[in-house]
PDB file of N, CA and C in Angstrom:
ATOM      1  N   MET A   1       1.195  -0.890   0.184  1.00  0.00           N
ATOM      2  CA  MET A   1       0.134  -0.251  -0.091  1.00  0.00           C
ATOM      3  C   MET A   1       0.539   1.006   0.050  1.00  0.00           C
ATOM      4  N   THR A   2       0.210   1.900  -1.029  1.00  0.00           N
ATOM      5  CA  THR A   2       1.186   3.818  -0.886  1.00  0.00           C
ATOM      6  C   THR A   2       0.171   4.702  -0.497  1.00  0.00           C
ATOM      7  N   ALA A   3       0.274   5.501   0.325  1.00  0.00           N
ATOM      8  CA  ALA A   3      -0.506   6.216   0.802  1.00  0.00           C
ATOM      9  C   ALA A   3       0.157   8.236   0.468  1.00  0.00           C
ATOM     10  N   ALA A   4      -0.682   8.477  -0.685  1.00  0.00           N
ATOM     11  CA  ALA A   4       0.382   9.788  -0.155  1.00  0.00           C
ATOM     12  C   ALA A   4      -0.249  11.440   1.074  1.00  0.00           C
ATOM     13  N   LEU A   5       0.842  11.356   1.404  1.00  0.00           N
ATOM     14  CA  LEU A   5       0.933  12.511   2.974  1.00  0.00           C
ATOM     15  C   LEU A   5       0.739  14.258   2.770  1.00  0.00           C
ATOM     16  N   GLN A   6       1.367  13.954   1.480  1.00  0.00           N
ATOM     17  CA  GLN A   6       1.382  15.922   1.925  1.00  0.00           C
ATOM     18  C   GLN A   6       2.248  15.581  -0.109  1.00  0.00           C
ATOM     19  N   GLY A   7       1.380  16.917  -0.348  1.00  0.00           N
ATOM     20  CA  GLY A   7       2.113  17.695  -2.390  1.00  0.00           C
ATOM     21  C   GLY A   7       1.027  16.209  -2.887  1.00  0.00           C
ATOM     22  N   THR A   8       1.475  16.214  -3.693  1.00  0.00           N
ATOM     23  CA  THR A   8       0.837  15.544  -5.055  1.00  0.00           C
ATOM     24  C   THR A   8       2.428  14.361  -5.128  1.00  0.00           C
ATOM     25  N   GLU A   9       1.712  13.465  -5.492  1.00  0.00           N
ATOM     26  CA  GLU A   9       2.469  11.695  -6.441  1.00  0.00           C
ATOM     27  C   GLU A   9       2.406  11.492  -7.847  1.00  0.00           C
ATOM     28  N   TYR A  10       3.124  11.428  -8.754  1.00  0.00           N
ATOM     29  CA  TYR A  10       2.509  10.741  -9.535  1.00  0.00           C
ATOM     30  C   TYR A  10       3.113   9.230  -9.971  1.00  0.00           C
ATOM     31  N   GLU A  11       2.121   8.263 -10.041  1.00  0.00           N
ATOM     32  CA  GLU A  11       2.910   7.230 -10.325  1.00  0.00           C
ATOM     33  C   GLU A  11       2.300   6.226 -11.203  1.00  0.00           C
ATOM     34  N   GLU A  12       3.773   6.125 -11.644  1.00  0.00           N
ATOM     35  CA  GLU A  12       3.256   4.163 -13.211  1.00  0.00           C
ATOM     36  C   GLU A  12       3.358   3.214 -12.867  1.00  0.00           C
ATOM     37  N   ILE A  13       2.806   2.319 -12.206  1.00  0.00           N
ATOM     38  CA  ILE A  13       2.642   0.736 -12.424  1.00  0.00           C
ATOM     39  C   ILE A  13       2.521   0.496 -13.423  1.00  0.00           C
ATOM     40  N   PHE A  14       3.929  -0.715 -13.621  1.00  0.00           N
ATOM     41  CA  PHE A  14       4.817  -1.651 -14.557  1.00  0.00           C
ATOM     42  C   PHE A  14       4.126  -2.958 -14.342  1.00  0.00           C
ATOM     43  N   ALA A  15       4.571  -4.093 -15.743  1.00  0.00           N
ATOM     44  CA  ALA A  15       3.992  -5.203 -15.798  1.00  0.00           C
ATOM     45  C   ALA A  15       5.652  -5.889 -17.046  1.00  0.00           C
ATOM     46  N   ILE A  16       6.268  -6.379 -16.843  1.00  0.00           N
ATOM     47  CA  ILE A  16       6.914  -6.952 -17.455  1.00  0.00           C
ATOM     48  C   ILE A  16       6.543  -7.765 -18.175  1.00  0.00           C
ATOM     49  N   ARG A  17       6.443  -7.723 -20.042  1.00  0.00           N
ATOM     50  CA  ARG A  17       5.571  -8.012 -20.780  1.00  0.00           C
ATOM     51  C   ARG A  17       6.701  -8.098 -21.855  1.00  0.00           C
ATOM     52  N   ASP A  18       7.276  -9.276 -22.500  1.00  0.00           N
ATOM     53  CA  ASP A  18       8.432  -9.718 -24.062  1.00  0.00           C
ATOM     54  C   ASP A  18       9.051  -9.178 -24.152  1.00  0.00           C
ATOM     55  N   GLY A  19       9.904  -8.580 -22.486  1.00  0.00           N
ATOM     56  CA  GLY A  19      10.980  -8.680 -22.338  1.00  0.00           C
ATOM     57  C   GLY A  19      10.833  -7.740 -21.894  1.00  0.00           C
ATOM     58  N   HIS A  20       9.805  -6.576 -21.670  1.00  0.00           N
ATOM     59  CA  HIS A  20      10.111  -5.284 -22.098  1.00  0.00           C
ATOM     60  C   HIS A  20       9.055  -4.700 -20.437  1.00  0.00           C
ATOM     61  N   LEU A  21       9.275  -3.667 -20.143  1.00  0.00           N
ATOM     62  CA  LEU A  21       8.616  -3.250 -18.923  1.00  0.00           C
ATOM     63  C   LEU A  21       7.083  -2.294 -19.379  1.00  0.00           C
ATOM     64  N   GLU A  22       6.209  -2.586 -19.746  1.00  0.00           N
ATOM     65  CA  GLU A  22       4.440  -2.145 -19.913  1.00  0.00           C
ATOM     66  C   GLU A  22       4.061  -0.943 -18.946  1.00  0.00           C
ATOM     67  N   VAL A  23       3.695   0.153 -18.639  1.00  0.00           N
ATOM     68  CA  VAL A  23       2.797   0.460 -17.770  1.00  0.00           C
ATOM     69  C   VAL A  23       1.599   0.310 -18.032  1.00  0.00           C
ATOM     70  N   ILE A  24       0.906   0.220 -16.933  1.00  0.00           N
ATOM     71  CA  ILE A  24      -0.592  -0.558 -16.985  1.00  0.00           C
ATOM     72  C   ILE A  24      -1.870   0.406 -16.384  1.00  0.00           C
ATOM     73  N   ALA A  25      -0.890   1.300 -15.498  1.00  0.00           N
ATOM     74  CA  ALA A  25      -1.402   1.980 -14.677  1.00  0.00           C
ATOM     75  C   ALA A  25      -0.591   3.590 -14.616  1.00  0.00           C
ATOM     76  N   ARG A  26      -1.780   4.767 -14.609  1.00  0.00           N
ATOM     77  CA  ARG A  26      -1.369   5.971 -14.365  1.00  0.00           C
ATOM     78  C   ARG A  26      -1.803   5.880 -12.945  1.00  0.00           C
ATOM     79  N   SER A  27      -1.742   7.342 -12.109  1.00  0.00           N
ATOM     80  CA  SER A  27      -2.594   8.094 -11.682  1.00  0.00           C
ATOM     81  C   SER A  27      -1.683   9.773 -10.916  1.00  0.00           C
ATOM     82  N   GLN A  28      -2.307  10.182 -10.705  1.00  0.00           N
ATOM     83  CA  GLN A  28      -2.018  11.630  -9.609  1.00  0.00           C
ATOM     84  C   GLN A  28      -2.640  11.327  -8.396  1.00  0.00           C
ATOM     85  N   ASN A  29      -2.017  11.505  -6.942  1.00  0.00           N
ATOM     86  CA  ASN A  29      -2.081  11.095  -6.254  1.00  0.00           C
ATOM     87  C   ASN A  29      -2.225  12.355  -4.861  1.00  0.00           C
ATOM     88  N   PRO A  30      -2.799  12.875  -5.317  1.00  0.00           N
ATOM     89  CA  PRO A  30      -3.105  13.566  -3.863  1.00  0.00           C
ATOM     90  C   PRO A  30      -2.764  13.405  -2.890  1.00  0.00           C
ATOM     91  N   ALA A  31      -2.530  14.810  -1.882  1.00  0.00           N
ATOM     92  CA  ALA A  31      -2.495  14.320  -0.153  1.00  0.00           C
ATOM     93  C   ALA A  31      -4.189  13.792  -0.068  1.00  0.00           C
ATOM     94  N   GLY A  32      -4.130  12.301   0.635  1.00  0.00           N
ATOM     95  CA  GLY A  32      -5.148  11.628   1.424  1.00  0.00           C
ATOM     96  C   GLY A  32      -5.006  10.662   0.244  1.00  0.00           C
ATOM     97  N   ALA A  33      -4.115   9.956  -0.722  1.00  0.00           N
ATOM     98  CA  ALA A  33      -4.687   8.887  -1.707  1.00  0.00           C
ATOM     99  C   ALA A  33      -4.423   7.513  -1.596  1.00  0.00           C
ATOM    100  N   VAL A  34      -4.830   6.863  -1.617  1.00  0.00           N
ATOM    101  CA  VAL A  34      -4.097   5.176  -0.835  1.00  0.00           C
ATOM    102  C   VAL A  34      -4.414   4.597  -2.084  1.00  0.00           C
ATOM    103  N   SER A  35      -2.879   3.894  -2.445  1.00  0.00           N
ATOM    104  CA  SER A  35      -3.260   3.267  -3.714  1.00  0.00           C
ATOM    105  C   SER A  35      -2.847   1.078  -3.163  1.00  0.00           C
ATOM    106  N   GLY A  36      -2.861  -0.118  -3.475  1.00  0.00           N
ATOM    107  CA  GLY A  36      -2.329  -1.364  -3.185  1.00  0.00           C
ATOM    108  C   GLY A  36      -2.166  -1.679  -4.026  1.00  0.00           C
ATOM    109  N   PHE A  37      -1.425  -2.192  -4.211  1.00  0.00           N
ATOM    110  CA  PHE A  37      -1.145  -3.071  -4.958  1.00  0.00           C
ATOM    111  C   PHE A  37       0.007  -4.983  -4.585  1.00  0.00           C
ATOM    112  N   ALA A  38       0.415  -5.667  -5.091  1.00  0.00           N
ATOM    113  CA  ALA A  38       0.364  -6.819  -4.495  1.00  0.00           C
ATOM    114  C   ALA A  38       1.802  -7.662  -6.429  1.00  0.00           C
ATOM    115  N   PRO A  39       2.774  -8.786  -5.889  1.00  0.00           N
ATOM    116  CA  PRO A  39       3.672  -9.089  -6.501  1.00  0.00           C
ATOM    117  C   PRO A  39       2.767 -10.365  -7.388  1.00  0.00           C
ATOM    118  N   PRO A  40       2.107 -10.210  -9.186  1.00  0.00           N
ATOM    119  CA  PRO A  40       3.645  -9.690  -9.801  1.00  0.00           C
ATOM    120  C   PRO A  40       4.078  -7.931  -9.916  1.00  0.00           C
ATOM    121  N   GLY A  41       2.832  -6.868  -9.499  1.00  0.00           N
ATOM    122  CA  GLY A  41       2.388  -6.129  -9.848  1.00  0.00           C
ATOM    123  C   GLY A  41       2.627  -4.760  -8.991  1.00  0.00           C
ATOM    124  N   ASP A  42       4.062  -5.643  -8.080  1.00  0.00           N
ATOM    125  CA  ASP A  42       4.225  -4.495  -7.295  1.00  0.00           C
ATOM    126  C   ASP A  42       5.598  -3.867  -7.863  1.00  0.00           C
ATOM    127  N   ILE A  43       5.766  -3.200  -9.613  1.00  0.00           N
ATOM    128  CA  ILE A  43       6.398  -2.337 -10.089  1.00  0.00           C
ATOM    129  C   ILE A  43       5.850  -0.858 -10.259  1.00  0.00           C
ATOM    130  N   HIS A  44       6.473  -0.275  -9.199  1.00  0.00           N
ATOM    131  CA  HIS A  44       5.992   0.687  -9.689  1.00  0.00           C
ATOM    132  C   HIS A  44       7.016   2.316  -9.678  1.00  0.00           C
ATOM    133  N   ARG A  45       6.953   3.300 -10.222  1.00  0.00           N
ATOM    134  CA  ARG A  45       7.950   4.064 -10.731  1.00  0.00           C
ATOM    135  C   ARG A  45       7.086   5.559  -9.479  1.00  0.00           C
ATOM    136  N   VAL A  46       7.317   6.109  -9.111  1.00  0.00           N
ATOM    137  CA  VAL A  46       6.909   7.535  -7.826  1.00  0.00           C
ATOM    138  C   VAL A  46       7.599   8.710  -8.506  1.00  0.00           C
ATOM    139  N   ARG A  47       6.758   9.648  -8.826  1.00  0.00           N
ATOM    140  CA  ARG A  47       8.017  10.785  -8.667  1.00  0.00           C
ATOM    141  C   ARG A  47       6.980  12.042  -7.601  1.00  0.00           C
ATOM    142  N   ASN A  48       7.228  13.380  -7.304  1.00  0.00           N
ATOM    143  CA  ASN A  48       6.542  14.754  -6.826  1.00  0.00           C
ATOM    144  C   ASN A  48       6.341  15.660  -8.519  1.00  0.00           C
ATOM    145  N   SER A  49       4.763  15.597  -8.219  1.00  0.00           N
ATOM    146  CA  SER A  49       4.681  16.234  -9.460  1.00  0.00           C
ATOM    147  C   SER A  49       3.983  17.222  -9.568  1.00  0.00           C
ATOM    148  N   GLY A  50       4.264  17.743  -7.931  1.00  0.00           N
ATOM    149  CA  GLY A  50       3.446  19.383  -8.135  1.00  0.00           C
ATOM    150  C   GLY A  50       4.065  20.250  -7.470  1.00  0.00           C
ATOM    151  N   GLN A  51       4.094  21.742  -7.016  1.00  0.00           N
ATOM    152  CA  GLN A  51       4.886  22.440  -6.512  1.00  0.00           C
ATOM    153  C   GLN A  51       5.771  22.459  -5.359  1.00  0.00           C
ATOM    154  N   THR A  52       4.909  21.338  -4.047  1.00  0.00           N
ATOM    155  CA  THR A  52       5.650  22.122  -3.270  1.00  0.00           C
ATOM    156  C   THR A  52       6.199  20.236  -2.963  1.00  0.00           C
ATOM    157  N   VAL A  53       6.130  20.386  -1.532  1.00  0.00           N
ATOM    158  CA  VAL A  53       7.255  18.986  -0.926  1.00  0.00           C
ATOM    159  C   VAL A  53       6.260  17.823  -1.252  1.00  0.00           C
ATOM    160  N   ALA A  54       6.491  16.891  -1.451  1.00  0.00           N
ATOM    161  CA  ALA A  54       5.214  15.114  -1.994  1.00  0.00           C
ATOM    162  C   ALA A  54       6.348  14.051  -0.939  1.00  0.00           C
ATOM    163  N   VAL A  55       5.798  14.014   0.079  1.00  0.00           N
ATOM    164  CA  VAL A  55       5.791  12.641   0.943  1.00  0.00           C
ATOM    165  C   VAL A  55       4.660  11.874   0.797  1.00  0.00           C
ATOM    166  N   SER A  56       5.157  10.148   1.104  1.00  0.00           N
ATOM    167  CA  SER A  56       4.231   8.727   0.637  1.00  0.00           C
ATOM    168  C   SER A  56       4.567   8.043   1.473  1.00  0.00           C
ATOM    169  N   MET A  57       3.984   7.402   1.795  1.00  0.00           N
ATOM    170  CA  MET A  57       4.136   6.665   3.104  1.00  0.00           C
ATOM    171  C   MET A  57       3.843   4.838   1.849  1.00  0.00           C
ATOM    172  N   HIS A  58       5.759   3.665   2.195  1.00  0.00           N
ATOM    173  CA  HIS A  58       4.479   2.645   1.535  1.00  0.00           C
ATOM    174  C   HIS A  58       4.500   1.552   2.798  1.00  0.00           C
ATOM    175  N   VAL A  59       3.515   0.897   3.056  1.00  0.00           N
ATOM    176  CA  VAL A  59       3.334  -0.242   3.921  1.00  0.00           C
ATOM    177  C   VAL A  59       3.193  -1.278   3.509  1.00  0.00           C
ATOM    178  N   TYR A  60       3.959  -2.628   3.866  1.00  0.00           N
ATOM    179  CA  TYR A  60       4.206  -4.025   2.995  1.00  0.00           C
ATOM    180  C   TYR A  60       3.737  -4.421   4.064  1.00  0.00           C
ATOM    181  N   GLY A  61       2.701  -4.862   4.155  1.00  0.00           N
ATOM    182  CA  GLY A  61       1.841  -6.562   4.839  1.00  0.00           C
ATOM    183  C   GLY A  61       1.817  -7.875   4.278  1.00  0.00           C
ATOM    184  N   THR A  62       3.642  -8.430   4.315  1.00  0.00           N
ATOM    185  CA  THR A  62       4.896  -9.090   4.948  1.00  0.00           C
ATOM    186  C   THR A  62       5.544  -8.994   4.879  1.00  0.00           C
ATOM    187  N   ASP A  63       6.325  -9.478   5.406  1.00  0.00           N
ATOM    188  CA  ASP A  63       7.667 -10.367   5.654  1.00  0.00           C
ATOM    189  C   ASP A  63       8.563  -9.961   4.583  1.00  0.00           C
ATOM    190  N   ILE A  64       9.214  -8.998   3.199  1.00  0.00           N
ATOM    191  CA  ILE A  64       9.511  -8.188   2.265  1.00  0.00           C
ATOM    192  C   ILE A  64      11.074  -9.410   1.885  1.00  0.00           C
ATOM    193  N   THR A  65      11.299  -9.373   3.474  1.00  0.00           N
ATOM    194  CA  THR A  65      12.960  -9.959   3.336  1.00  0.00           C
ATOM    195  C   THR A  65      12.855 -11.509   2.982  1.00  0.00           C
ATOM    196  N   ARG A  66      11.295 -12.322   3.011  1.00  0.00           N
ATOM    197  CA  ARG A  66      10.990 -13.669   2.782  1.00  0.00           C
ATOM    198  C   ARG A  66      10.826 -13.894   0.994  1.00  0.00           C
ATOM    199  N   VAL A  67       9.650 -12.966   0.925  1.00  0.00           N
ATOM    200  CA  VAL A  67       8.835 -12.641  -0.563  1.00  0.00           C
ATOM    201  C   VAL A  67       9.433 -12.423  -1.097  1.00  0.00           C
ATOM    202  N   GLY A  68      10.047 -11.270  -0.810  1.00  0.00           N
ATOM    203  CA  GLY A  68      10.648 -10.402  -1.571  1.00  0.00           C
ATOM    204  C   GLY A  68       9.994  -9.520  -2.554  1.00  0.00           C
ATOM    205  N   SER A  69       9.909  -7.940  -2.748  1.00  0.00           N
ATOM    206  CA  SER A  69       9.837  -6.346  -3.466  1.00  0.00           C
ATOM    207  C   SER A  69      10.615  -6.157  -4.545  1.00  0.00           C
ATOM    208  N   SER A  70       9.938  -5.278  -5.374  1.00  0.00           N
ATOM    209  CA  SER A  70      10.412  -5.073  -6.252  1.00  0.00           C
ATOM    210  C   SER A  70      11.593  -3.553  -5.490  1.00  0.00           C
ATOM    211  N   ILE A  71      11.108  -3.295  -4.721  1.00  0.00           N
ATOM    212  CA  ILE A  71      11.787  -2.027  -3.999  1.00  0.00           C
ATOM    213  C   ILE A  71      13.125  -2.324  -4.239  1.00  0.00           C
ATOM    214  N   ARG A  72      13.704  -0.874  -4.691  1.00  0.00           N
ATOM    215  CA  ARG A  72      15.526  -1.493  -5.234  1.00  0.00           C
ATOM    216  C   ARG A  72      15.669  -1.864  -6.016  1.00  0.00           C
ATOM    217  N   ARG A  73      15.156  -3.038  -6.353  1.00  0.00           N
ATOM    218  CA  ARG A  73      15.275  -3.538  -7.727  1.00  0.00           C
ATOM    219  C   ARG A  73      15.784  -3.358  -8.544  1.00  0.00           C
ATOM    220  N   LEU A  74      16.745  -2.904  -9.981  1.00  0.00           N
ATOM    221  CA  LEU A  74      16.976  -2.697 -11.160  1.00  0.00           C
ATOM    222  C   LEU A  74      16.365  -3.601 -11.402  1.00  0.00           C
ATOM    223  N   TYR A  75      15.451  -3.002 -12.723  1.00  0.00           N
ATOM    224  CA  TYR A  75      14.651  -3.186 -13.821  1.00  0.00           C
ATOM    225  C   TYR A  75      15.344  -2.456 -15.737  1.00  0.00           C
ATOM    226  N   ASP A  76      16.664  -3.406 -15.743  1.00  0.00           N
ATOM    227  CA  ASP A  76      17.337  -2.548 -17.085  1.00  0.00           C
ATOM    228  C   ASP A  76      17.318  -3.924 -18.403  1.00  0.00           C
ATOM    229  N   LEU A  77      15.427  -2.891 -18.438  1.00  0.00           N
ATOM    230  CA  LEU A  77      14.162  -3.460 -19.712  1.00  0.00           C
ATOM    231  C   LEU A  77      14.486  -2.194 -20.809  1.00  0.00           C
ATOM    232  N   PRO A  78      13.800  -2.402 -21.416  1.00  0.00           N
ATOM    233  CA  PRO A  78      13.243  -0.965 -22.468  1.00  0.00           C
ATOM    234  C   PRO A  78      11.434  -0.376 -21.631  1.00  0.00           C
ATOM    235  N   VAL A  79      11.135   0.065 -21.750  1.00  0.00           N
ATOM    236  CA  VAL A  79       9.754   1.162 -21.478  1.00  0.00           C
ATOM    237  C   VAL A  79       9.090   1.212 -22.464  1.00  0.00           C
ATOM    238  N   ARG A  80       8.175   0.726 -22.618  1.00  0.00           N
ATOM    239  CA  ARG A  80       6.658   0.740 -23.966  1.00  0.00           C
ATOM    240  C   ARG A  80       6.039   0.878 -22.916  1.00  0.00           C
TER     241      ARG A  80
END
């Protein structure tokens, strides 16, 4: 789960398809917005899309040291 706490965050969610990353969802998340996803749909990229500081919180509902996560994983694949 990702929650936007301050500012506005732009989020893209990706899927691996035929050797590339494909954007399957995009959203503008203002303060108070919450989004949830689970593997294999946990590949996402966020950026500040507003004029002020953006703050978000990511909450994991499992032991990611055991089941893994896309956090800090490098995907050296083209994006389409």
